[in-house]
């Protein structure tokens, strides 16, 4: 699909470049069909002339068009604005005041996200004219994510937010995966292109129970189980406890209580008996759970009496 789109765009551009704009006898219907075709392709692949570096086709179009008809409005005006920064008959150059904000201080910025969560990367621009801002992911190859306000990727987890001129071009990823880690480029279609780079690091939160994998306690004692969430970028929405695969809730008799903090949870058994033995699981939201095996021994005084034969 990607290669086919590129070929269609390049073919349409070549056909446009072959038109003799000074010849009044060329087929107006054929020209109109080419304009419609190219318009459809640029809407679907708005940044191909940046991503695939087809500036030679753009320059050829402007050279051919310089002495003939100029299409500064309607459908072709939009295409010309995309290709060269305006439909007035020439390539638009970057002005002194236009560009990407932040300069070198923002280039390259480290961003951390957690598996299953959401992350937003902000690209600040200022004094933009009709230049198109695009987001790309750069691995072994370049993947176009958004172009202007259009989402190009078929992955619906990606979205763009840019409402006003002074707003940043913010790329949001929902349901973050480990494979989302890597280098992201916010590129403005100036000549030459100007870019800001962001390195996304994806971490996988995990739960840790103090004393795991196993602890011992005595019948009649108080049991405290401490669970802490490590490597999380934000507090989990919940932390659930399970005892032998049964969710542990608040005991109406007050024997078992669960108290959640921002990144931790404490399960307390007020008076341990034999039924409290077994496997406990701490399962935070968007984190790898942890397990601990609780073994219950007899009451210390009775054990001592048995040992000494009293």
C-alpha atoms as a PDB file:
ATOM      1  CA  UNK A   1       0.000   0.000   0.000  1.00  0.00           C
ATOM      2  CA  UNK A   2       2.796   2.437   0.946  1.00  0.00           C
ATOM      3  CA  UNK A   3       4.789   1.824  -2.243  1.00  0.00           C
ATOM      4  CA  UNK A   4       1.655   2.022  -4.383  1.00  0.00           C
ATOM      5  CA  UNK A   5       0.704   5.388  -2.873  1.00  0.00           C
ATOM      6  CA  UNK A   6       4.180   6.739  -3.551  1.00  0.00           C
ATOM      7  CA  UNK A   7       4.119   5.563  -7.172  1.00  0.00           C
ATOM      8  CA  UNK A   8       0.724   7.187  -7.787  1.00  0.00           C
ATOM      9  CA  UNK A   9       1.889  10.514  -6.353  1.00  0.00           C
ATOM     10  CA  UNK A  10       5.110  10.501  -8.377  1.00  0.00           C
ATOM     11  CA  UNK A  11       3.273   9.480 -11.554  1.00  0.00           C
ATOM     12  CA  UNK A  12       0.761  12.307 -11.151  1.00  0.00           C
ATOM     13  CA  UNK A  13       3.553  14.804 -10.522  1.00  0.00           C
ATOM     14  CA  UNK A  14       5.436  13.603 -13.614  1.00  0.00           C
ATOM     15  CA  UNK A  15       2.308  13.954 -15.728  1.00  0.00           C
ATOM     16  CA  UNK A  16       1.767  17.481 -14.401  1.00  0.00           C
ATOM     17  CA  UNK A  17       5.376  18.362 -15.183  1.00  0.00           C
ATOM     18  CA  UNK A  18       4.962  17.163 -18.793  1.00  0.00           C
ATOM     19  CA  UNK A  19       2.141  19.636 -19.490  1.00  0.00           C
ATOM     20  CA  UNK A  20       3.194  22.557 -21.651  1.00  0.00           C
ATOM     21  CA  UNK A  21       1.623  25.393 -19.676  1.00  0.00           C
ATOM     22  CA  UNK A  22       2.296  27.929 -22.485  1.00  0.00           C
ATOM     23  CA  UNK A  23       0.356  25.861 -25.062  1.00  0.00           C
ATOM     24  CA  UNK A  24      -3.269  27.050 -25.083  1.00  0.00           C
ATOM     25  CA  UNK A  25      -4.387  23.926 -26.933  1.00  0.00           C
ATOM     26  CA  UNK A  26      -3.664  21.294 -24.269  1.00  0.00           C
ATOM     27  CA  UNK A  27      -6.614  19.207 -23.107  1.00  0.00           C
ATOM     28  CA  UNK A  28      -8.335  21.031 -20.249  1.00  0.00           C
ATOM     29  CA  UNK A  29     -10.262  17.901 -19.288  1.00  0.00           C
ATOM     30  CA  UNK A  30      -7.055  15.886 -19.013  1.00  0.00           C
ATOM     31  CA  UNK A  31      -5.548  18.593 -16.817  1.00  0.00           C
ATOM     32  CA  UNK A  32      -8.639  18.629 -14.606  1.00  0.00           C
ATOM     33  CA  UNK A  33      -8.475  14.842 -14.201  1.00  0.00           C
ATOM     34  CA  UNK A  34      -4.837  15.052 -13.180  1.00  0.00           C
ATOM     35  CA  UNK A  35      -5.623  17.751 -10.641  1.00  0.00           C
ATOM     36  CA  UNK A  36      -8.406  15.650  -9.116  1.00  0.00           C
ATOM     37  CA  UNK A  37      -6.175  12.588  -8.992  1.00  0.00           C
ATOM     38  CA  UNK A  38      -3.275  14.441  -7.417  1.00  0.00           C
ATOM     39  CA  UNK A  39      -5.593  16.119  -4.913  1.00  0.00           C
ATOM     40  CA  UNK A  40      -6.944  12.740  -3.808  1.00  0.00           C
ATOM     41  CA  UNK A  41      -3.454  11.346  -3.428  1.00  0.00           C
ATOM     42  CA  UNK A  42      -2.088  14.252  -1.435  1.00  0.00           C
ATOM     43  CA  UNK A  43      -4.997  14.072   0.996  1.00  0.00           C
ATOM     44  CA  UNK A  44      -4.184  10.420   1.658  1.00  0.00           C
ATOM     45  CA  UNK A  45      -0.365  10.837   1.687  1.00  0.00           C
ATOM     46  CA  UNK A  46       0.114  14.466   2.605  1.00  0.00           C
ATOM     47  CA  UNK A  47       3.820  14.357   3.369  1.00  0.00           C
ATOM     48  CA  UNK A  48       5.267  12.123   0.656  1.00  0.00           C
ATOM     49  CA  UNK A  49       7.333  14.904  -0.876  1.00  0.00           C
ATOM     50  CA  UNK A  50       9.019  15.354   2.480  1.00  0.00           C
ATOM     51  CA  UNK A  51       9.356  11.717   3.496  1.00  0.00           C
ATOM     52  CA  UNK A  52      10.431  10.463   0.070  1.00  0.00           C
ATOM     53  CA  UNK A  53      12.448  13.563  -0.866  1.00  0.00           C
ATOM     54  CA  UNK A  54      10.753  14.225  -4.223  1.00  0.00           C
ATOM     55  CA  UNK A  55      11.802  17.879  -4.300  1.00  0.00           C
ATOM     56  CA  UNK A  56      13.002  17.451  -7.887  1.00  0.00           C
ATOM     57  CA  UNK A  57       9.408  16.901  -8.993  1.00  0.00           C
ATOM     58  CA  UNK A  58       8.298  19.973  -7.071  1.00  0.00           C
ATOM     59  CA  UNK A  59      11.033  22.113  -8.633  1.00  0.00           C
ATOM     60  CA  UNK A  60      10.214  20.777 -12.085  1.00  0.00           C
ATOM     61  CA  UNK A  61       6.550  21.641 -11.625  1.00  0.00           C
ATOM     62  CA  UNK A  62       7.368  25.222 -10.659  1.00  0.00           C
ATOM     63  CA  UNK A  63       9.796  25.643 -13.547  1.00  0.00           C
ATOM     64  CA  UNK A  64       7.174  24.441 -16.013  1.00  0.00           C
ATOM     65  CA  UNK A  65       4.471  26.556 -14.434  1.00  0.00           C
ATOM     66  CA  UNK A  66       6.441  29.766 -14.128  1.00  0.00           C
ATOM     67  CA  UNK A  67       5.676  31.010 -17.631  1.00  0.00           C
ATOM     68  CA  UNK A  68       2.156  29.693 -17.989  1.00  0.00           C
ATOM     69  CA  UNK A  69      -1.006  29.230 -15.992  1.00  0.00           C
ATOM     70  CA  UNK A  70      -0.850  29.524 -12.216  1.00  0.00           C
ATOM     71  CA  UNK A  71      -3.275  27.592 -10.071  1.00  0.00           C
ATOM     72  CA  UNK A  72      -3.408  29.619  -6.897  1.00  0.00           C
ATOM     73  CA  UNK A  73      -6.869  28.603  -5.705  1.00  0.00           C
ATOM     74  CA  UNK A  74      -9.307  25.739  -5.510  1.00  0.00           C
ATOM     75  CA  UNK A  75      -8.018  22.189  -5.441  1.00  0.00           C
ATOM     76  CA  UNK A  76      -4.613  22.929  -6.948  1.00  0.00           C
ATOM     77  CA  UNK A  77      -4.076  25.806  -4.540  1.00  0.00           C
ATOM     78  CA  UNK A  78      -4.226  23.307  -1.669  1.00  0.00           C
ATOM     79  CA  UNK A  79      -1.746  20.983  -3.388  1.00  0.00           C
ATOM     80  CA  UNK A  80       0.643  23.822  -4.207  1.00  0.00           C
ATOM     81  CA  UNK A  81       0.447  25.007  -0.618  1.00  0.00           C
ATOM     82  CA  UNK A  82       1.405  21.546   0.551  1.00  0.00           C
ATOM     83  CA  UNK A  83       4.258  21.107  -1.937  1.00  0.00           C
ATOM     84  CA  UNK A  84       5.855  24.516  -1.750  1.00  0.00           C
ATOM     85  CA  UNK A  85       4.287  26.580   1.005  1.00  0.00           C
ATOM     86  CA  UNK A  86       1.857  28.573  -1.166  1.00  0.00           C
ATOM     87  CA  UNK A  87       0.034  28.577  -4.496  1.00  0.00           C
ATOM     88  CA  UNK A  88       1.511  31.839  -5.720  1.00  0.00           C
ATOM     89  CA  UNK A  89       3.925  30.261  -8.194  1.00  0.00           C
ATOM     90  CA  UNK A  90       7.114  29.656  -6.218  1.00  0.00           C
ATOM     91  CA  UNK A  91       8.680  27.718  -3.356  1.00  0.00           C
ATOM     92  CA  UNK A  92       8.118  29.365   0.004  1.00  0.00           C
ATOM     93  CA  UNK A  93      11.300  29.839   1.968  1.00  0.00           C
ATOM     94  CA  UNK A  94      11.497  29.792   5.713  1.00  0.00           C
ATOM     95  CA  UNK A  95      11.472  33.239   7.250  1.00  0.00           C
ATOM     96  CA  UNK A  96      13.705  34.327  10.102  1.00  0.00           C
ATOM     97  CA  UNK A  97      10.849  34.135  12.602  1.00  0.00           C
ATOM     98  CA  UNK A  98       9.387  30.760  11.593  1.00  0.00           C
ATOM     99  CA  UNK A  99      10.346  27.389  12.908  1.00  0.00           C
ATOM    100  CA  UNK A 100      10.210  24.922  15.737  1.00  0.00           C
ATOM    101  CA  UNK A 101      10.291  26.255  19.269  1.00  0.00           C
ATOM    102  CA  UNK A 102      12.723  25.290  21.946  1.00  0.00           C
ATOM    103  CA  UNK A 103      15.828  25.131  19.779  1.00  0.00           C
ATOM    104  CA  UNK A 104      18.616  22.819  20.835  1.00  0.00           C
ATOM    105  CA  UNK A 105      17.400  22.679  24.414  1.00  0.00           C
ATOM    106  CA  UNK A 106      14.451  20.503  23.317  1.00  0.00           C
ATOM    107  CA  UNK A 107      16.397  18.435  20.803  1.00  0.00           C
ATOM    108  CA  UNK A 108      16.674  15.382  21.662  1.00  0.00           C
ATOM    109  CA  UNK A 109      14.160  15.082  24.535  1.00  0.00           C
ATOM    110  CA  UNK A 110      13.724  11.915  26.606  1.00  0.00           C
ATOM    111  CA  UNK A 111      10.123  10.896  27.329  1.00  0.00           C
ATOM    112  CA  UNK A 112       9.152   7.979  29.593  1.00  0.00           C
ATOM    113  CA  UNK A 113       5.899   6.011  29.364  1.00  0.00           C
ATOM    114  CA  UNK A 114       4.646   2.814  30.936  1.00  0.00           C
ATOM    115  CA  UNK A 115       3.193  -0.242  29.242  1.00  0.00           C
ATOM    116  CA  UNK A 116      -0.581   0.028  28.935  1.00  0.00           C
ATOM    117  CA  UNK A 117      -0.664   3.723  29.809  1.00  0.00           C
ATOM    118  CA  UNK A 118      -0.875   6.871  27.700  1.00  0.00           C
ATOM    119  CA  UNK A 119       1.805   9.365  26.764  1.00  0.00           C
ATOM    120  CA  UNK A 120       1.710  12.738  25.001  1.00  0.00           C
ATOM    121  CA  UNK A 121       4.738  14.273  23.273  1.00  0.00           C
ATOM    122  CA  UNK A 122       4.531  18.043  22.746  1.00  0.00           C
ATOM    123  CA  UNK A 123       6.209  19.713  19.770  1.00  0.00           C
ATOM    124  CA  UNK A 124       6.190  23.524  20.140  1.00  0.00           C
ATOM    125  CA  UNK A 125       6.259  25.689  17.015  1.00  0.00           C
ATOM    126  CA  UNK A 126       6.019  29.429  16.435  1.00  0.00           C
ATOM    127  CA  UNK A 127       5.361  31.812  13.538  1.00  0.00           C
ATOM    128  CA  UNK A 128       4.240  29.088  11.145  1.00  0.00           C
ATOM    129  CA  UNK A 129       2.708  29.999   7.816  1.00  0.00           C
ATOM    130  CA  UNK A 130       1.323  27.216   5.647  1.00  0.00           C
ATOM    131  CA  UNK A 131       4.126  24.783   6.471  1.00  0.00           C
ATOM    132  CA  UNK A 132       2.932  21.292   7.326  1.00  0.00           C
ATOM    133  CA  UNK A 133       4.039  19.702  10.601  1.00  0.00           C
ATOM    134  CA  UNK A 134       4.340  15.919  10.584  1.00  0.00           C
ATOM    135  CA  UNK A 135       5.198  13.207  13.108  1.00  0.00           C
ATOM    136  CA  UNK A 136       7.383  10.261  12.116  1.00  0.00           C
ATOM    137  CA  UNK A 137       8.722   7.226  13.968  1.00  0.00           C
ATOM    138  CA  UNK A 138      12.280   6.419  12.991  1.00  0.00           C
ATOM    139  CA  UNK A 139      13.406   2.813  13.449  1.00  0.00           C
ATOM    140  CA  UNK A 140      15.152   0.870  10.720  1.00  0.00           C
ATOM    141  CA  UNK A 141      12.838   2.791   8.382  1.00  0.00           C
ATOM    142  CA  UNK A 142      10.712   5.945   8.627  1.00  0.00           C
ATOM    143  CA  UNK A 143       7.010   5.588   9.429  1.00  0.00           C
ATOM    144  CA  UNK A 144       4.724   8.524   8.795  1.00  0.00           C
ATOM    145  CA  UNK A 145       2.264   8.872  11.701  1.00  0.00           C
ATOM    146  CA  UNK A 146       0.555  12.218  11.076  1.00  0.00           C
ATOM    147  CA  UNK A 147       0.706  14.977   8.489  1.00  0.00           C
ATOM    148  CA  UNK A 148      -0.873  18.276   9.395  1.00  0.00           C
ATOM    149  CA  UNK A 149      -4.025  17.446  11.333  1.00  0.00           C
ATOM    150  CA  UNK A 150      -4.479  14.144   9.501  1.00  0.00           C
ATOM    151  CA  UNK A 151      -3.552  10.788  11.016  1.00  0.00           C
ATOM    152  CA  UNK A 152      -1.760   8.764   8.385  1.00  0.00           C
ATOM    153  CA  UNK A 153      -1.019   5.605  10.386  1.00  0.00           C
ATOM    154  CA  UNK A 154      -3.744   2.971  10.592  1.00  0.00           C
ATOM    155  CA  UNK A 155      -2.921   2.416  14.273  1.00  0.00           C
ATOM    156  CA  UNK A 156      -5.824   4.102  16.079  1.00  0.00           C
ATOM    157  CA  UNK A 157      -3.776   4.339  19.285  1.00  0.00           C
ATOM    158  CA  UNK A 158      -2.056   7.389  17.778  1.00  0.00           C
ATOM    159  CA  UNK A 159      -3.772  10.786  17.680  1.00  0.00           C
ATOM    160  CA  UNK A 160      -2.823  14.412  17.140  1.00  0.00           C
ATOM    161  CA  UNK A 161      -3.992  17.446  19.074  1.00  0.00           C
ATOM    162  CA  UNK A 162      -3.519  20.923  17.624  1.00  0.00           C
ATOM    163  CA  UNK A 163      -6.443  23.330  17.872  1.00  0.00           C
ATOM    164  CA  UNK A 164      -5.003  26.842  17.789  1.00  0.00           C
ATOM    165  CA  UNK A 165      -2.040  28.487  16.111  1.00  0.00           C
ATOM    166  CA  UNK A 166      -0.136  28.835  19.387  1.00  0.00           C
ATOM    167  CA  UNK A 167      -0.865  25.283  20.556  1.00  0.00           C
ATOM    168  CA  UNK A 168       1.867  22.634  20.315  1.00  0.00           C
ATOM    169  CA  UNK A 169       1.543  19.768  17.855  1.00  0.00           C
ATOM    170  CA  UNK A 170       0.920  17.060  20.450  1.00  0.00           C
ATOM    171  CA  UNK A 171       1.211  13.384  19.561  1.00  0.00           C
ATOM    172  CA  UNK A 172      -0.643  11.037  21.939  1.00  0.00           C
ATOM    173  CA  UNK A 173      -0.190   7.276  22.158  1.00  0.00           C
ATOM    174  CA  UNK A 174      -2.766   5.251  24.095  1.00  0.00           C
ATOM    175  CA  UNK A 175      -2.254   1.695  25.287  1.00  0.00           C
ATOM    176  CA  UNK A 176       1.533   2.051  25.062  1.00  0.00           C
ATOM    177  CA  UNK A 177       3.453  -1.076  24.017  1.00  0.00           C
ATOM    178  CA  UNK A 178       7.110  -1.975  24.466  1.00  0.00           C
ATOM    179  CA  UNK A 179       7.440  -1.803  20.667  1.00  0.00           C
ATOM    180  CA  UNK A 180       6.486   1.908  20.757  1.00  0.00           C
ATOM    181  CA  UNK A 181       9.871   2.765  22.247  1.00  0.00           C
ATOM    182  CA  UNK A 182      12.278   4.559  19.944  1.00  0.00           C
ATOM    183  CA  UNK A 183      13.013   7.828  18.189  1.00  0.00           C
ATOM    184  CA  UNK A 184      10.178  10.148  17.142  1.00  0.00           C
ATOM    185  CA  UNK A 185      10.595  13.130  14.821  1.00  0.00           C
ATOM    186  CA  UNK A 186       8.441  16.247  14.708  1.00  0.00           C
ATOM    187  CA  UNK A 187       9.198  17.674  11.271  1.00  0.00           C
ATOM    188  CA  UNK A 188       8.175  20.990   9.731  1.00  0.00           C
ATOM    189  CA  UNK A 189       8.103  21.084   5.926  1.00  0.00           C
ATOM    190  CA  UNK A 190      10.398  24.056   5.509  1.00  0.00           C
ATOM    191  CA  UNK A 191      13.170  23.996   2.939  1.00  0.00           C
ATOM    192  CA  UNK A 192      15.300  22.316   4.163  1.00  0.00           C
ATOM    193  CA  UNK A 193      13.044  20.494   6.678  1.00  0.00           C
ATOM    194  CA  UNK A 194      13.416  21.420  10.351  1.00  0.00           C
ATOM    195  CA  UNK A 195      12.980  18.762  13.034  1.00  0.00           C
ATOM    196  CA  UNK A 196      12.804  18.104  16.732  1.00  0.00           C
ATOM    197  CA  UNK A 197      13.578  14.632  18.051  1.00  0.00           C
ATOM    198  CA  UNK A 198      12.143  12.774  21.024  1.00  0.00           C
ATOM    199  CA  UNK A 199      13.310   9.449  22.429  1.00  0.00           C
ATOM    200  CA  UNK A 200      10.453   7.463  23.951  1.00  0.00           C
ATOM    201  CA  UNK A 201      11.461   5.017  26.657  1.00  0.00           C
ATOM    202  CA  UNK A 202       8.845   2.444  27.646  1.00  0.00           C
ATOM    203  CA  UNK A 203       8.998   0.834  31.081  1.00  0.00           C
ATOM    204  CA  UNK A 204       6.981  -2.046  32.501  1.00  0.00           C
ATOM    205  CA  UNK A 205       5.797  -1.455  36.087  1.00  0.00           C
ATOM    206  CA  UNK A 206       5.954  -4.396  38.475  1.00  0.00           C
ATOM    207  CA  UNK A 207       4.702  -5.173  41.948  1.00  0.00           C
ATOM    208  CA  UNK A 208       7.003  -6.287  44.757  1.00  0.00           C
ATOM    209  CA  UNK A 209       5.792  -7.781  48.068  1.00  0.00           C
ATOM    210  CA  UNK A 210       8.134  -7.379  51.005  1.00  0.00           C
ATOM    211  CA  UNK A 211       9.455 -10.773  52.112  1.00  0.00           C
ATOM    212  CA  UNK A 212       8.569 -12.654  48.942  1.00  0.00           C
ATOM    213  CA  UNK A 213       8.589 -15.447  47.896  1.00  0.00           C
ATOM    214  CA  UNK A 214       7.472 -16.803  51.307  1.00  0.00           C
ATOM    215  CA  UNK A 215       7.036 -15.733  54.905  1.00  0.00           C
ATOM    216  CA  UNK A 216       6.023 -17.462  58.136  1.00  0.00           C
ATOM    217  CA  UNK A 217       3.726 -16.196  60.832  1.00  0.00           C
ATOM    218  CA  UNK A 218       2.093 -17.644  63.946  1.00  0.00           C
ATOM    219  CA  UNK A 219      -1.520 -18.295  64.700  1.00  0.00           C
ATOM    220  CA  UNK A 220      -2.935 -15.387  66.695  1.00  0.00           C
ATOM    221  CA  UNK A 221      -0.362 -12.859  65.441  1.00  0.00           C
ATOM    222  CA  UNK A 222      -0.926  -9.750  63.316  1.00  0.00           C
ATOM    223  CA  UNK A 223       0.097 -10.124  59.647  1.00  0.00           C
ATOM    224  CA  UNK A 224       1.151  -7.168  57.466  1.00  0.00           C
ATOM    225  CA  UNK A 225       1.752  -7.635  53.734  1.00  0.00           C
ATOM    226  CA  UNK A 226       3.387  -4.639  52.009  1.00  0.00           C
ATOM    227  CA  UNK A 227       3.083  -4.343  48.214  1.00  0.00           C
ATOM    228  CA  UNK A 228       4.958  -1.601  46.309  1.00  0.00           C
ATOM    229  CA  UNK A 229       4.714  -0.717  42.606  1.00  0.00           C
ATOM    230  CA  UNK A 230       8.100  -0.155  40.975  1.00  0.00           C
ATOM    231  CA  UNK A 231       8.949   1.624  37.680  1.00  0.00           C
ATOM    232  CA  UNK A 232       5.513   3.239  37.302  1.00  0.00           C
ATOM    233  CA  UNK A 233       5.242   6.670  35.679  1.00  0.00           C
ATOM    234  CA  UNK A 234       1.916   7.389  37.392  1.00  0.00           C
ATOM    235  CA  UNK A 235       0.052   5.977  40.422  1.00  0.00           C
ATOM    236  CA  UNK A 236      -2.022   2.898  39.571  1.00  0.00           C
ATOM    237  CA  UNK A 237      -5.783   3.337  39.545  1.00  0.00           C
ATOM    238  CA  UNK A 238      -6.134   0.386  41.879  1.00  0.00           C
ATOM    239  CA  UNK A 239      -4.160  -2.337  43.668  1.00  0.00           C
ATOM    240  CA  UNK A 240      -6.118  -5.547  44.221  1.00  0.00           C
ATOM    241  CA  UNK A 241      -5.247  -8.342  46.640  1.00  0.00           C
ATOM    242  CA  UNK A 242      -6.100 -12.002  46.085  1.00  0.00           C
ATOM    243  CA  UNK A 243      -5.876 -14.930  48.529  1.00  0.00           C
ATOM    244  CA  UNK A 244      -5.782 -18.310  46.785  1.00  0.00           C
ATOM    245  CA  UNK A 245      -7.312 -16.605  43.693  1.00  0.00           C
ATOM    246  CA  UNK A 246     -10.180 -15.076  45.685  1.00  0.00           C
ATOM    247  CA  UNK A 247     -10.260 -11.296  45.849  1.00  0.00           C
ATOM    248  CA  UNK A 248      -9.663  -9.973  49.335  1.00  0.00           C
ATOM    249  CA  UNK A 249     -12.041  -7.204  50.382  1.00  0.00           C
ATOM    250  CA  UNK A 250     -12.712  -5.430  53.610  1.00  0.00           C
ATOM    251  CA  UNK A 251     -13.718  -7.930  56.309  1.00  0.00           C
ATOM    252  CA  UNK A 252     -17.023  -6.841  57.936  1.00  0.00           C
ATOM    253  CA  UNK A 253     -15.675  -8.116  61.260  1.00  0.00           C
ATOM    254  CA  UNK A 254     -12.593  -5.920  60.944  1.00  0.00           C
ATOM    255  CA  UNK A 255     -10.188  -8.899  60.816  1.00  0.00           C
ATOM    256  CA  UNK A 256      -8.745  -7.963  57.371  1.00  0.00           C
ATOM    257  CA  UNK A 257      -8.117  -4.423  56.141  1.00  0.00           C
ATOM    258  CA  UNK A 258      -6.548  -3.069  52.949  1.00  0.00           C
ATOM    259  CA  UNK A 259      -5.083   0.418  52.811  1.00  0.00           C
ATOM    260  CA  UNK A 260      -3.902   1.884  49.502  1.00  0.00           C
ATOM    261  CA  UNK A 261      -1.323   4.629  49.148  1.00  0.00           C
ATOM    262  CA  UNK A 262      -0.146   6.240  45.895  1.00  0.00           C
ATOM    263  CA  UNK A 263       2.279   3.522  44.842  1.00  0.00           C
ATOM    264  CA  UNK A 264       1.705   0.894  47.523  1.00  0.00           C
ATOM    265  CA  UNK A 265      -0.876  -1.115  49.411  1.00  0.00           C
ATOM    266  CA  UNK A 266      -0.869  -2.800  52.824  1.00  0.00           C
ATOM    267  CA  UNK A 267      -2.999  -5.817  53.645  1.00  0.00           C
ATOM    268  CA  UNK A 268      -3.409  -6.421  57.380  1.00  0.00           C
ATOM    269  CA  UNK A 269      -4.803  -9.489  59.108  1.00  0.00           C
ATOM    270  CA  UNK A 270      -5.690  -8.529  62.695  1.00  0.00           C
ATOM    271  CA  UNK A 271      -5.545 -12.070  64.141  1.00  0.00           C
ATOM    272  CA  UNK A 272      -4.095 -14.872  62.030  1.00  0.00           C
ATOM    273  CA  UNK A 273      -5.700 -18.303  61.996  1.00  0.00           C
ATOM    274  CA  UNK A 274      -5.199 -21.407  59.872  1.00  0.00           C
ATOM    275  CA  UNK A 275      -7.490 -20.159  57.100  1.00  0.00           C
ATOM    276  CA  UNK A 276      -5.151 -17.252  56.381  1.00  0.00           C
ATOM    277  CA  UNK A 277      -2.388 -19.528  55.095  1.00  0.00           C
ATOM    278  CA  UNK A 278      -1.826 -19.803  51.341  1.00  0.00           C
ATOM    279  CA  UNK A 279      -0.819 -17.813  48.286  1.00  0.00           C
ATOM    280  CA  UNK A 280      -1.397 -14.042  48.235  1.00  0.00           C
ATOM    281  CA  UNK A 281      -1.249 -11.996  45.025  1.00  0.00           C
ATOM    282  CA  UNK A 282      -0.834  -8.216  44.713  1.00  0.00           C
ATOM    283  CA  UNK A 283      -2.180  -7.028  41.348  1.00  0.00           C
ATOM    284  CA  UNK A 284      -1.863  -3.304  40.555  1.00  0.00           C
ATOM    285  CA  UNK A 285      -3.431  -1.689  37.511  1.00  0.00           C
ATOM    286  CA  UNK A 286      -1.110  -1.837  34.473  1.00  0.00           C
ATOM    287  CA  UNK A 287       1.656  -3.626  36.370  1.00  0.00           C
ATOM    288  CA  UNK A 288       3.086  -7.135  36.606  1.00  0.00           C
ATOM    289  CA  UNK A 289       1.608  -8.774  39.741  1.00  0.00           C
ATOM    290  CA  UNK A 290       3.579 -10.272  42.629  1.00  0.00           C
ATOM    291  CA  UNK A 291       2.970 -13.373  44.767  1.00  0.00           C
ATOM    292  CA  UNK A 292       3.907 -14.441  48.285  1.00  0.00           C
ATOM    293  CA  UNK A 293       3.251 -17.695  50.123  1.00  0.00           C
ATOM    294  CA  UNK A 294       2.153 -17.303  53.762  1.00  0.00           C
ATOM    295  CA  UNK A 295       2.725 -20.241  56.094  1.00  0.00           C
ATOM    296  CA  UNK A 296       0.907 -20.257  59.436  1.00  0.00           C
ATOM    297  CA  UNK A 297       2.509 -21.968  62.398  1.00  0.00           C
ATOM    298  CA  UNK A 298       0.975 -22.770  65.741  1.00  0.00           C
ATOM    299  CA  UNK A 299       0.878 -20.299  68.611  1.00  0.00           C
ATOM    300  CA  UNK A 300       4.406 -19.861  70.046  1.00  0.00           C
ATOM    301  CA  UNK A 301       3.378 -20.598  73.639  1.00  0.00           C
ATOM    302  CA  UNK A 302       1.715 -23.898  72.712  1.00  0.00           C
ATOM    303  CA  UNK A 303       4.697 -24.907  70.592  1.00  0.00           C
ATOM    304  CA  UNK A 304       7.032 -24.250  73.535  1.00  0.00           C
ATOM    305  CA  UNK A 305       4.789 -26.250  75.876  1.00  0.00           C
ATOM    306  CA  UNK A 306       4.811 -29.153  73.437  1.00  0.00           C
ATOM    307  CA  UNK A 307       8.589 -29.081  73.146  1.00  0.00           C
ATOM    308  CA  UNK A 308       9.257 -29.124  76.894  1.00  0.00           C
ATOM    309  CA  UNK A 309       6.508 -31.693  77.544  1.00  0.00           C
ATOM    310  CA  UNK A 310       4.319 -29.526  79.753  1.00  0.00           C
END
